[in-house]
C-alpha atoms as a PDB file:
ATOM      1  CA  MET A   1      -5.937  -5.977 -42.217  1.00  0.00           C
ATOM      2  CA  MET A   2      -9.376  -5.275 -40.784  1.00  0.00           C
ATOM      3  CA  GLY A   3      -8.343  -7.152 -37.644  1.00  0.00           C
ATOM      4  CA  ASN A   4      -5.495  -4.733 -37.024  1.00  0.00           C
ATOM      5  CA  VAL A   5      -7.747  -1.707 -37.336  1.00  0.00           C
ATOM      6  CA  PHE A   6     -10.115  -3.286 -34.824  1.00  0.00           C
ATOM      7  CA  GLN A   7      -7.282  -4.069 -32.397  1.00  0.00           C
ATOM      8  CA  ALA A   8      -5.867  -0.551 -32.501  1.00  0.00           C
ATOM      9  CA  ASP A   9      -9.222   0.809 -31.472  1.00  0.00           C
ATOM     10  CA  LYS A  10      -9.541  -1.331 -28.342  1.00  0.00           C
ATOM     11  CA  PRO A  11     -11.297   0.625 -25.618  1.00  0.00           C
ATOM     12  CA  CYS A  12      -9.575   0.735 -22.256  1.00  0.00           C
ATOM     13  CA  PRO A  13     -12.091   0.610 -19.421  1.00  0.00           C
ATOM     14  CA  VAL A  14     -11.753   2.907 -16.416  1.00  0.00           C
ATOM     15  CA  LEU A  15     -12.032   1.316 -12.993  1.00  0.00           C
ATOM     16  CA  THR A  16     -13.059   3.324  -9.944  1.00  0.00           C
ATOM     17  CA  VAL A  17     -12.997   2.038  -6.377  1.00  0.00           C
ATOM     18  CA  SER A  18     -14.942   3.378  -3.439  1.00  0.00           C
ATOM     19  CA  PRO A  19     -13.830   3.958  -0.748  1.00  0.00           C
ATOM     20  CA  SER A  20     -10.099   4.189  -1.514  1.00  0.00           C
ATOM     21  CA  TRP A  21      -9.190   4.276   2.223  1.00  0.00           C
ATOM     22  CA  LEU A  22     -10.628   1.380   4.162  1.00  0.00           C
ATOM     23  CA  ASN A  23     -12.079   0.982   7.554  1.00  0.00           C
ATOM     24  CA  PRO A  24     -11.207  -2.705   8.053  1.00  0.00           C
ATOM     25  CA  GLY A  25     -14.216  -4.871   7.319  1.00  0.00           C
ATOM     26  CA  ALA A  26     -15.972  -2.298   5.119  1.00  0.00           C
ATOM     27  CA  SER A  27     -17.460  -3.121   1.717  1.00  0.00           C
ATOM     28  CA  VAL A  28     -15.643  -1.905  -1.369  1.00  0.00           C
ATOM     29  CA  THR A  29     -17.492  -1.135  -4.614  1.00  0.00           C
ATOM     30  CA  LEU A  30     -15.682  -1.493  -7.946  1.00  0.00           C
ATOM     31  CA  ASN A  31     -17.118   0.255 -11.030  1.00  0.00           C
ATOM     32  CA  CYS A  32     -15.961  -0.485 -14.565  1.00  0.00           C
ATOM     33  CA  GLU A  33     -16.736   2.095 -17.236  1.00  0.00           C
ATOM     34  CA  VAL A  34     -16.253   1.429 -20.948  1.00  0.00           C
ATOM     35  CA  GLU A  35     -15.695   4.500 -23.156  1.00  0.00           C
ATOM     36  CA  HIS A  36     -18.552   3.894 -25.581  1.00  0.00           C
ATOM     37  CA  PRO A  37     -21.204   2.369 -23.379  1.00  0.00           C
ATOM     38  CA  SER A  38     -23.746   0.335 -25.248  1.00  0.00           C
ATOM     39  CA  ALA A  39     -25.628  -2.811 -24.385  1.00  0.00           C
ATOM     40  CA  GLY A  40     -24.109  -6.212 -24.334  1.00  0.00           C
ATOM     41  CA  TRP A  41     -20.861  -5.824 -22.370  1.00  0.00           C
ATOM     42  CA  SER A  42     -20.060  -8.367 -19.721  1.00  0.00           C
ATOM     43  CA  PHE A  43     -17.472  -7.521 -17.080  1.00  0.00           C
ATOM     44  CA  TYR A  44     -14.489  -9.353 -15.628  1.00  0.00           C
ATOM     45  CA  TRP A  45     -13.066  -8.502 -12.209  1.00  0.00           C
ATOM     46  CA  TYR A  46      -9.538  -9.231 -11.031  1.00  0.00           C
ATOM     47  CA  LYS A  47      -7.324  -8.825  -8.036  1.00  0.00           C
ATOM     48  CA  ALA A  48      -3.772  -7.621  -8.756  1.00  0.00           C
ATOM     49  CA  VAL A  49      -1.110 -10.021  -7.486  1.00  0.00           C
ATOM     50  CA  PRO A  50       2.527  -8.861  -7.260  1.00  0.00           C
ATOM     51  CA  ASP A  51       4.675 -10.444  -9.958  1.00  0.00           C
ATOM     52  CA  LEU A  52       8.285 -11.024  -9.003  1.00  0.00           C
ATOM     53  CA  SER A  53       9.466 -11.330 -12.615  1.00  0.00           C
ATOM     54  CA  GLU A  54       8.624  -7.725 -13.485  1.00  0.00           C
ATOM     55  CA  LYS A  55       7.446  -4.412 -12.089  1.00  0.00           C
ATOM     56  CA  SER A  56       3.814  -5.034 -12.939  1.00  0.00           C
ATOM     57  CA  SER A  57       1.304  -7.468 -11.471  1.00  0.00           C
ATOM     58  CA  SER A  58      -0.506 -10.530 -12.649  1.00  0.00           C
ATOM     59  CA  TYR A  59      -4.273 -10.723 -12.332  1.00  0.00           C
ATOM     60  CA  GLU A  60      -6.410 -13.266 -10.528  1.00  0.00           C
ATOM     61  CA  LEU A  61     -10.161 -13.503 -11.196  1.00  0.00           C
ATOM     62  CA  LEU A  62     -12.280 -12.550  -8.200  1.00  0.00           C
ATOM     63  CA  PRO A  63     -14.909 -15.065  -7.003  1.00  0.00           C
ATOM     64  CA  ASP A  64     -17.850 -15.008  -9.464  1.00  0.00           C
ATOM     65  CA  GLY A  65     -15.972 -12.230 -11.286  1.00  0.00           C
ATOM     66  CA  SER A  66     -16.197 -13.764 -14.751  1.00  0.00           C
ATOM     67  CA  GLY A  67     -18.604 -12.226 -17.238  1.00  0.00           C
ATOM     68  CA  THR A  68     -20.976 -10.387 -14.893  1.00  0.00           C
ATOM     69  CA  ALA A  69     -23.816  -8.402 -16.467  1.00  0.00           C
ATOM     70  CA  GLN A  70     -23.406  -5.594 -13.918  1.00  0.00           C
ATOM     71  CA  ASP A  71     -20.716  -2.932 -14.372  1.00  0.00           C
ATOM     72  CA  SER A  72     -20.148  -2.898 -10.601  1.00  0.00           C
ATOM     73  CA  TYR A  73     -18.822  -5.518  -8.201  1.00  0.00           C
ATOM     74  CA  ILE A  74     -18.992  -5.401  -4.400  1.00  0.00           C
ATOM     75  CA  ILE A  75     -16.335  -6.923  -2.168  1.00  0.00           C
ATOM     76  CA  HIS A  76     -17.665  -7.522   1.323  1.00  0.00           C
ATOM     77  CA  GLU A  77     -15.564  -7.188   4.457  1.00  0.00           C
ATOM     78  CA  GLN A  78     -12.377  -6.083   2.736  1.00  0.00           C
ATOM     79  CA  THR A  79      -9.736  -5.825   5.459  1.00  0.00           C
ATOM     80  CA  HIS A  80      -6.406  -5.092   3.793  1.00  0.00           C
ATOM     81  CA  THR A  81      -4.670  -3.100   1.073  1.00  0.00           C
ATOM     82  CA  ALA A  82      -5.329  -4.585  -2.371  1.00  0.00           C
ATOM     83  CA  GLY A  83      -5.245  -3.700  -6.063  1.00  0.00           C
ATOM     84  CA  TYR A  84      -8.040  -4.361  -8.556  1.00  0.00           C
ATOM     85  CA  VAL A  85      -8.444  -4.430 -12.347  1.00  0.00           C
ATOM     86  CA  CYS A  86     -11.422  -4.880 -14.675  1.00  0.00           C
ATOM     87  CA  ARG A  87     -12.049  -5.511 -18.342  1.00  0.00           C
ATOM     88  CA  ALA A  88     -15.112  -6.006 -20.511  1.00  0.00           C
ATOM     89  CA  GLY A  89     -16.123  -8.323 -23.324  1.00  0.00           C
ATOM     90  CA  ARG A  90     -18.995  -8.819 -25.764  1.00  0.00           C
ATOM     91  CA  GLY A  91     -19.971 -10.630 -28.921  1.00  0.00           C
ATOM     92  CA  ASP A  92     -19.586 -14.221 -30.038  1.00  0.00           C
ATOM     93  CA  PRO A  93     -16.741 -15.080 -30.212  1.00  0.00           C
ATOM     94  CA  GLU A  94     -16.143 -12.668 -27.358  1.00  0.00           C
ATOM     95  CA  TYR A  95     -14.075  -9.556 -28.049  1.00  0.00           C
ATOM     96  CA  HIS A  96     -12.255  -8.233 -24.967  1.00  0.00           C
ATOM     97  CA  THR A  97     -11.175  -4.707 -24.086  1.00  0.00           C
ATOM     98  CA  ASP A  98      -7.750  -4.117 -22.595  1.00  0.00           C
ATOM     99  CA  HIS A  99      -7.402  -4.380 -18.830  1.00  0.00           C
ATOM    100  CA  SER A 100      -8.067  -1.175 -16.918  1.00  0.00           C
ATOM    101  CA  GLN A 101      -5.270   0.514 -14.998  1.00  0.00           C
ATOM    102  CA  PRO A 102      -5.075  -1.029 -11.516  1.00  0.00           C
ATOM    103  CA  LYS A 103      -6.798   0.883  -8.729  1.00  0.00           C
ATOM    104  CA  PHE A 104      -5.908   0.409  -5.097  1.00  0.00           C
ATOM    105  CA  VAL A 105      -7.833   0.291  -1.865  1.00  0.00           C
ATOM    106  CA  TRP A 106      -5.631   1.116   1.103  1.00  0.00           C
ATOM    107  CA  SER A 107      -5.969   0.022   4.678  1.00  0.00           C
ATOM    108  CA  ALA A 108      -4.093   1.510   7.624  1.00  0.00           C
ATOM    109  CA  ASP A 109      -4.650  -1.756   9.520  1.00  0.00           C
ATOM    110  CA  VAL A 110      -1.271  -3.186  10.555  1.00  0.00           C
ATOM    111  CA  HIS A 111      -2.667  -6.639  11.378  1.00  0.00           C
ATOM    112  CA  SER A 112      -2.544  -7.914   7.810  1.00  0.00           C
ATOM    113  CA  ALA A 113      -0.081 -10.585   6.649  1.00  0.00           C
ATOM    114  CA  ALA A 114       2.533  -7.894   5.929  1.00  0.00           C
ATOM    115  CA  SER A 115       3.280  -4.578   7.584  1.00  0.00           C
ATOM    116  CA  LEU A 116       5.046  -1.352   6.690  1.00  0.00           C
ATOM    117  CA  THR A 117       6.798   0.715   9.345  1.00  0.00           C
ATOM    118  CA  VAL A 118       8.347   4.158   8.889  1.00  0.00           C
ATOM    119  CA  SER A 119      11.601   5.093  10.670  1.00  0.00           C
ATOM    120  CA  LEU A 120      10.303   8.574  11.505  1.00  0.00           C
ATOM    121  CA  ASP A 121       6.846   7.764  12.722  1.00  0.00           C
ATOM    122  CA  ARG A 122       4.931  10.869  11.732  1.00  0.00           C
ATOM    123  CA  VAL A 123       2.746  11.918   8.842  1.00  0.00           C
ATOM    124  CA  GLN A 124       4.516  15.231   8.155  1.00  0.00           C
ATOM    125  CA  HIS A 125       8.138  15.097   6.987  1.00  0.00           C
ATOM    126  CA  PHE A 126      10.627  17.725   5.853  1.00  0.00           C
ATOM    127  CA  THR A 127      12.938  17.735   2.851  1.00  0.00           C
ATOM    128  CA  SER A 128      15.956  17.370   5.155  1.00  0.00           C
ATOM    129  CA  ASP A 129      14.661  14.073   6.591  1.00  0.00           C
ATOM    130  CA  SER A 130      15.994  10.696   5.587  1.00  0.00           C
ATOM    131  CA  VAL A 131      13.190   8.176   5.929  1.00  0.00           C
ATOM    132  CA  SER A 132      13.419   4.384   5.882  1.00  0.00           C
ATOM    133  CA  LEU A 133      10.434   2.211   5.089  1.00  0.00           C
ATOM    134  CA  THR A 134      10.655  -1.333   6.449  1.00  0.00           C
ATOM    135  CA  CYS A 135       8.518  -4.227   5.230  1.00  0.00           C
ATOM    136  CA  GLU A 136       7.816  -7.060   7.635  1.00  0.00           C
ATOM    137  CA  GLY A 137       6.107 -10.387   7.221  1.00  0.00           C
ATOM    138  CA  ASN A 138       6.696 -13.915   6.014  1.00  0.00           C
ATOM    139  CA  SER A 139       8.695 -13.200   2.857  1.00  0.00           C
ATOM    140  CA  ALA A 140      12.293 -12.966   1.711  1.00  0.00           C
ATOM    141  CA  LYS A 141      11.588 -10.463  -1.076  1.00  0.00           C
ATOM    142  CA  TRP A 142       9.695  -7.182  -0.983  1.00  0.00           C
ATOM    143  CA  ARG A 143       9.046  -4.130  -3.045  1.00  0.00           C
ATOM    144  CA  VAL A 144       7.656  -0.783  -1.981  1.00  0.00           C
ATOM    145  CA  ARG A 145       4.945   0.792  -4.099  1.00  0.00           C
ATOM    146  CA  TRP A 146       3.707   4.330  -3.875  1.00  0.00           C
ATOM    147  CA  PHE A 147       0.926   6.377  -5.374  1.00  0.00           C
ATOM    148  CA  SER A 148       1.998  10.008  -5.822  1.00  0.00           C
ATOM    149  CA  ASP A 149      -0.023  13.197  -5.554  1.00  0.00           C
ATOM    150  CA  ASN A 150       0.114  13.502  -9.353  1.00  0.00           C
ATOM    151  CA  GLY A 151      -1.634  10.141  -9.791  1.00  0.00           C
ATOM    152  CA  GLN A 152       1.485   8.158 -10.741  1.00  0.00           C
ATOM    153  CA  LEU A 153       1.861   4.596  -9.515  1.00  0.00           C
ATOM    154  CA  ASN A 154       5.530   3.772  -8.810  1.00  0.00           C
ATOM    155  CA  SER A 155       7.446   0.682  -7.748  1.00  0.00           C
ATOM    156  CA  SER A 156      10.848   0.000  -6.297  1.00  0.00           C
ATOM    157  CA  ASN A 157      12.612  -2.865  -8.045  1.00  0.00           C
ATOM    158  CA  TRP A 158      12.606  -6.060  -6.021  1.00  0.00           C
ATOM    159  CA  SER A 159      16.398  -5.893  -6.176  1.00  0.00           C
ATOM    160  CA  ARG A 160      16.658  -2.265  -4.996  1.00  0.00           C
ATOM    161  CA  MET A 161      15.578  -3.080  -1.483  1.00  0.00           C
ATOM    162  CA  THR A 162      18.264  -3.379   1.168  1.00  0.00           C
ATOM    163  CA  GLY A 163      16.884  -6.530   2.734  1.00  0.00           C
ATOM    164  CA  SER A 164      13.392  -5.423   3.658  1.00  0.00           C
ATOM    165  CA  THR A 165      14.204  -1.703   3.909  1.00  0.00           C
ATOM    166  CA  TYR A 166      13.703   1.045   1.342  1.00  0.00           C
ATOM    167  CA  LYS A 167      15.248   4.461   1.928  1.00  0.00           C
ATOM    168  CA  ILE A 168      13.885   7.759   0.660  1.00  0.00           C
ATOM    169  CA  ASN A 169      15.808  11.026   0.866  1.00  0.00           C
ATOM    170  CA  THR A 170      12.713  13.101   1.059  1.00  0.00           C
ATOM    171  CA  SER A 171      11.836  15.711  -1.518  1.00  0.00           C
ATOM    172  CA  LYS A 172       8.410  17.227  -2.113  1.00  0.00           C
ATOM    173  CA  SER A 173       7.801  14.762  -4.930  1.00  0.00           C
ATOM    174  CA  ASP A 174       7.953  11.952  -2.340  1.00  0.00           C
ATOM    175  CA  THR A 175       4.554  12.975  -0.946  1.00  0.00           C
ATOM    176  CA  ALA A 176       2.587   9.770  -1.567  1.00  0.00           C
ATOM    177  CA  VAL A 177       0.777   6.757  -0.183  1.00  0.00           C
ATOM    178  CA  TYR A 178       3.294   3.927   0.407  1.00  0.00           C
ATOM    179  CA  TRP A 179       2.800   0.209   0.962  1.00  0.00           C
ATOM    180  CA  CYS A 180       4.776  -3.044   0.726  1.00  0.00           C
ATOM    181  CA  GLU A 181       4.129  -6.024  -1.503  1.00  0.00           C
ATOM    182  CA  SER A 182       5.744  -9.413  -0.989  1.00  0.00           C
ATOM    183  CA  GLU A 183       6.738 -11.974  -3.606  1.00  0.00           C
ATOM    184  CA  SER A 184       4.085 -14.282  -2.158  1.00  0.00           C
ATOM    185  CA  GLY A 185       1.342 -11.745  -2.913  1.00  0.00           C
ATOM    186  CA  ASP A 186       0.812 -10.132   0.497  1.00  0.00           C
ATOM    187  CA  PHE A 187       0.031  -6.409   0.720  1.00  0.00           C
ATOM    188  CA  SER A 188       0.838  -4.392   3.827  1.00  0.00           C
ATOM    189  CA  ASN A 189      -0.987  -1.558   5.487  1.00  0.00           C
ATOM    190  CA  ALA A 190      -0.579   1.763   3.698  1.00  0.00           C
ATOM    191  CA  VAL A 191       1.071   4.908   5.057  1.00  0.00           C
ATOM    192  CA  ASN A 192       0.413   8.444   3.855  1.00  0.00           C
ATOM    193  CA  ILE A 193       3.618  10.535   3.865  1.00  0.00           C
ATOM    194  CA  THR A 194       3.557  14.276   3.249  1.00  0.00           C
ATOM    195  CA  VAL A 195       6.846  16.113   2.636  1.00  0.00           C
ATOM    196  CA  HIS A 196       7.220  19.860   3.246  1.00  0.00           C
ATOM    197  CA  GLY A 197      10.073  22.153   2.264  1.00  0.00           C
ATOM    198  CA  MET A 198      12.071  23.689   5.091  1.00  0.00           C
END
């Protein structure tokens, strides 16, 4: 019974990334904050890897990212769009928090293993536009992900893509940062699309 009470109270750490838009080759700093900070937490750092079986991602430990004493982790020379997650643990046997929500670092660099192109190649779009997003790279399956103005992370289903193309009939709610993910774990450059009413 006590175990259940403990489980229900699991803190969920908050991950922040800086910067969120990359100049290729820049360093990225991850910070993991636990709600009730007190001594003794160790931190675990993961990269999000697209998971074909569902809409979410699986997590892969970053190099030397297991049980660090510091609540920050620096990635040197990050060049491409990527997602990150952290969690914390303490005690013996170790009690773990839940994973944080994934946070993304976006790169506009189109020389990564995957690329996203937009049919109407401009940042500003209007609600009357029909826009196609095309994913290119060495993969048979893609999904488009986007991070909306309201802070929501969304995904197309792998099966909803027409080949490697995803179509949006633009409305104001489509203002977002878009990028492609492949089944093999590649992330494309990111594109910022802003939609205006006519």
